Amino acid sequence: MAEDKNSPPSEQVKGSVKEAIGKLTGDARIETEGRRQKRESEAPQESPSKTSGSGRG
């Protein structure tokens, strides 16, 4: 497999699993962590961009 281990779809699956486990076990912390992980994977990935020469000039 040549997929990135932290690609958004895999992170979304991990979040779904954590959320389900949290619901089944009654662990609110794990459930919340899973929801957060899913939400972050659905958000567009914005890498911090460094513009050369920003503010100089």
N, C-alpha and C. Protein backbone atom coordinates (compact mmCIF):
# COMPACT_ATOMS: atom_id res chain seq x y z
N MET A 1 0.84 -1.19 0.00
CA MET A 1 0.00 0.00 0.00
C MET A 1 0.87 1.24 0.00
N ALA A 2 0.54 2.16 -0.85
CA ALA A 2 1.31 3.39 -0.94
C ALA A 2 0.55 4.58 -0.37
N GLU A 3 -0.53 4.31 0.38
CA GLU A 3 -1.32 5.41 0.92
C GLU A 3 -0.64 6.03 2.14
N ASP A 4 -0.88 7.31 2.31
CA ASP A 4 -0.41 8.01 3.49
C ASP A 4 -1.24 7.55 4.69
N LYS A 5 -0.59 7.17 5.77
CA LYS A 5 -1.31 6.63 6.92
C LYS A 5 -2.21 7.67 7.58
N ASN A 6 -1.94 8.93 7.37
CA ASN A 6 -2.74 9.98 7.99
C ASN A 6 -3.56 10.75 6.97
N SER A 7 -3.97 10.09 5.90
CA SER A 7 -4.78 10.75 4.90
C SER A 7 -6.17 11.01 5.49
N PRO A 8 -6.86 12.02 5.01
CA PRO A 8 -8.16 12.37 5.57
C PRO A 8 -9.16 11.21 5.63
N PRO A 9 -9.30 10.38 4.59
CA PRO A 9 -10.26 9.28 4.71
C PRO A 9 -9.91 8.31 5.84
N SER A 10 -8.63 8.00 6.03
CA SER A 10 -8.27 7.08 7.10
C SER A 10 -8.48 7.74 8.47
N GLU A 11 -8.23 9.02 8.57
CA GLU A 11 -8.48 9.73 9.83
C GLU A 11 -9.97 9.77 10.13
N GLN A 12 -10.80 9.90 9.10
CA GLN A 12 -12.24 9.92 9.29
C GLN A 12 -12.72 8.56 9.80
N VAL A 13 -12.17 7.48 9.24
CA VAL A 13 -12.54 6.14 9.69
C VAL A 13 -12.11 5.94 11.15
N LYS A 14 -10.90 6.36 11.48
CA LYS A 14 -10.43 6.23 12.86
C LYS A 14 -11.34 7.00 13.81
N GLY A 15 -11.75 8.19 13.39
CA GLY A 15 -12.65 8.99 14.21
C GLY A 15 -13.99 8.31 14.40
N SER A 16 -14.51 7.72 13.34
CA SER A 16 -15.79 7.01 13.42
C SER A 16 -15.70 5.83 14.38
N VAL A 17 -14.60 5.11 14.30
CA VAL A 17 -14.41 3.95 15.19
C VAL A 17 -14.32 4.41 16.64
N LYS A 18 -13.55 5.45 16.89
CA LYS A 18 -13.42 5.97 18.26
C LYS A 18 -14.77 6.43 18.80
N GLU A 19 -15.53 7.13 17.94
CA GLU A 19 -16.84 7.62 18.36
C GLU A 19 -17.76 6.44 18.71
N ALA A 20 -17.76 5.40 17.88
CA ALA A 20 -18.60 4.24 18.12
C ALA A 20 -18.19 3.51 19.40
N ILE A 21 -16.89 3.35 19.60
CA ILE A 21 -16.41 2.69 20.82
C ILE A 21 -16.80 3.50 22.05
N GLY A 22 -16.68 4.82 21.94
CA GLY A 22 -17.08 5.67 23.05
C GLY A 22 -18.55 5.53 23.39
N LYS A 23 -19.39 5.44 22.35
CA LYS A 23 -20.83 5.27 22.58
C LYS A 23 -21.11 3.91 23.22
N LEU A 24 -20.47 2.86 22.71
CA LEU A 24 -20.72 1.51 23.21
C LEU A 24 -20.27 1.34 24.67
N THR A 25 -19.14 1.96 25.00
CA THR A 25 -18.60 1.80 26.35
C THR A 25 -19.08 2.87 27.32
N GLY A 26 -19.74 3.90 26.78
CA GLY A 26 -20.20 4.98 27.64
C GLY A 26 -19.09 5.94 28.01
N ASP A 27 -17.99 5.92 27.25
CA ASP A 27 -16.84 6.79 27.52
C ASP A 27 -16.98 8.08 26.70
N ALA A 28 -17.44 9.12 27.35
CA ALA A 28 -17.69 10.38 26.66
C ALA A 28 -16.42 10.99 26.08
N ARG A 29 -15.29 10.78 26.76
CA ARG A 29 -14.03 11.36 26.28
C ARG A 29 -13.64 10.75 24.93
N ILE A 30 -13.72 9.43 24.81
CA ILE A 30 -13.37 8.77 23.56
C ILE A 30 -14.35 9.15 22.46
N GLU A 31 -15.64 9.22 22.81
CA GLU A 31 -16.67 9.61 21.84
C GLU A 31 -16.41 11.01 21.30
N THR A 32 -16.09 11.93 22.19
CA THR A 32 -15.81 13.31 21.79
C THR A 32 -14.54 13.38 20.95
N GLU A 33 -13.53 12.63 21.35
CA GLU A 33 -12.28 12.61 20.59
C GLU A 33 -12.52 12.10 19.17
N GLY A 34 -13.36 11.08 19.03
CA GLY A 34 -13.70 10.55 17.71
C GLY A 34 -14.42 11.57 16.86
N ARG A 35 -15.38 12.29 17.46
CA ARG A 35 -16.09 13.34 16.71
C ARG A 35 -15.14 14.42 16.25
N ARG A 36 -14.21 14.80 17.13
CA ARG A 36 -13.24 15.85 16.78
C ARG A 36 -12.35 15.38 15.64
N GLN A 37 -11.91 14.13 15.72
CA GLN A 37 -11.03 13.59 14.69
C GLN A 37 -11.75 13.54 13.34
N LYS A 38 -13.02 13.14 13.34
CA LYS A 38 -13.80 13.12 12.09
C LYS A 38 -13.94 14.53 11.53
N ARG A 39 -14.27 15.48 12.41
CA ARG A 39 -14.49 16.86 11.97
C ARG A 39 -13.21 17.45 11.38
N GLU A 40 -12.07 17.17 12.02
CA GLU A 40 -10.79 17.69 11.51
C GLU A 40 -10.42 17.07 10.17
N SER A 41 -10.78 15.81 9.97
CA SER A 41 -10.44 15.15 8.71
C SER A 41 -11.33 15.64 7.58
N GLU A 42 -12.54 16.10 7.90
CA GLU A 42 -13.45 16.60 6.89
C GLU A 42 -13.11 18.03 6.48
N ALA A 43 -12.47 18.78 7.36
CA ALA A 43 -12.09 20.16 7.07
C ALA A 43 -11.00 20.17 6.01
N PRO A 44 -11.02 21.17 5.14
CA PRO A 44 -9.94 21.25 4.14
C PRO A 44 -8.59 21.39 4.80
N GLN A 45 -7.65 20.61 4.34
CA GLN A 45 -6.31 20.63 4.92
C GLN A 45 -5.58 21.89 4.47
N GLU A 46 -5.31 22.77 5.41
CA GLU A 46 -4.59 24.01 5.11
C GLU A 46 -3.22 23.94 5.75
N SER A 47 -2.21 23.86 4.92
CA SER A 47 -0.86 23.87 5.47
C SER A 47 -0.41 25.31 5.63
N PRO A 48 0.32 25.58 6.68
CA PRO A 48 0.80 26.96 6.87
C PRO A 48 1.76 27.33 5.75
N SER A 49 1.39 28.34 5.01
CA SER A 49 2.22 28.74 3.88
C SER A 49 3.10 29.91 4.29
N LYS A 50 4.33 29.81 3.90
CA LYS A 50 5.28 30.89 4.17
C LYS A 50 5.54 31.60 2.84
N THR A 51 5.07 32.82 2.77
CA THR A 51 5.31 33.58 1.55
C THR A 51 6.66 34.30 1.69
N SER A 52 7.51 34.08 0.75
CA SER A 52 8.83 34.71 0.81
C SER A 52 8.69 36.20 0.57
N GLY A 53 9.32 36.96 1.41
CA GLY A 53 9.29 38.41 1.24
C GLY A 53 8.06 39.05 1.85
N SER A 54 7.30 38.33 2.61
CA SER A 54 6.09 38.87 3.21
C SER A 54 6.43 40.00 4.17
N GLY A 55 5.84 41.16 3.92
CA GLY A 55 6.06 42.28 4.80
C GLY A 55 7.37 43.02 4.57
N ARG A 56 8.07 42.62 3.57
CA ARG A 56 9.34 43.28 3.29
C ARG A 56 9.24 44.04 1.96
N GLY A 57 9.82 45.13 1.95
CA GLY A 57 9.85 45.71 0.77
C GLY A 57 9.86 46.73 -0.06
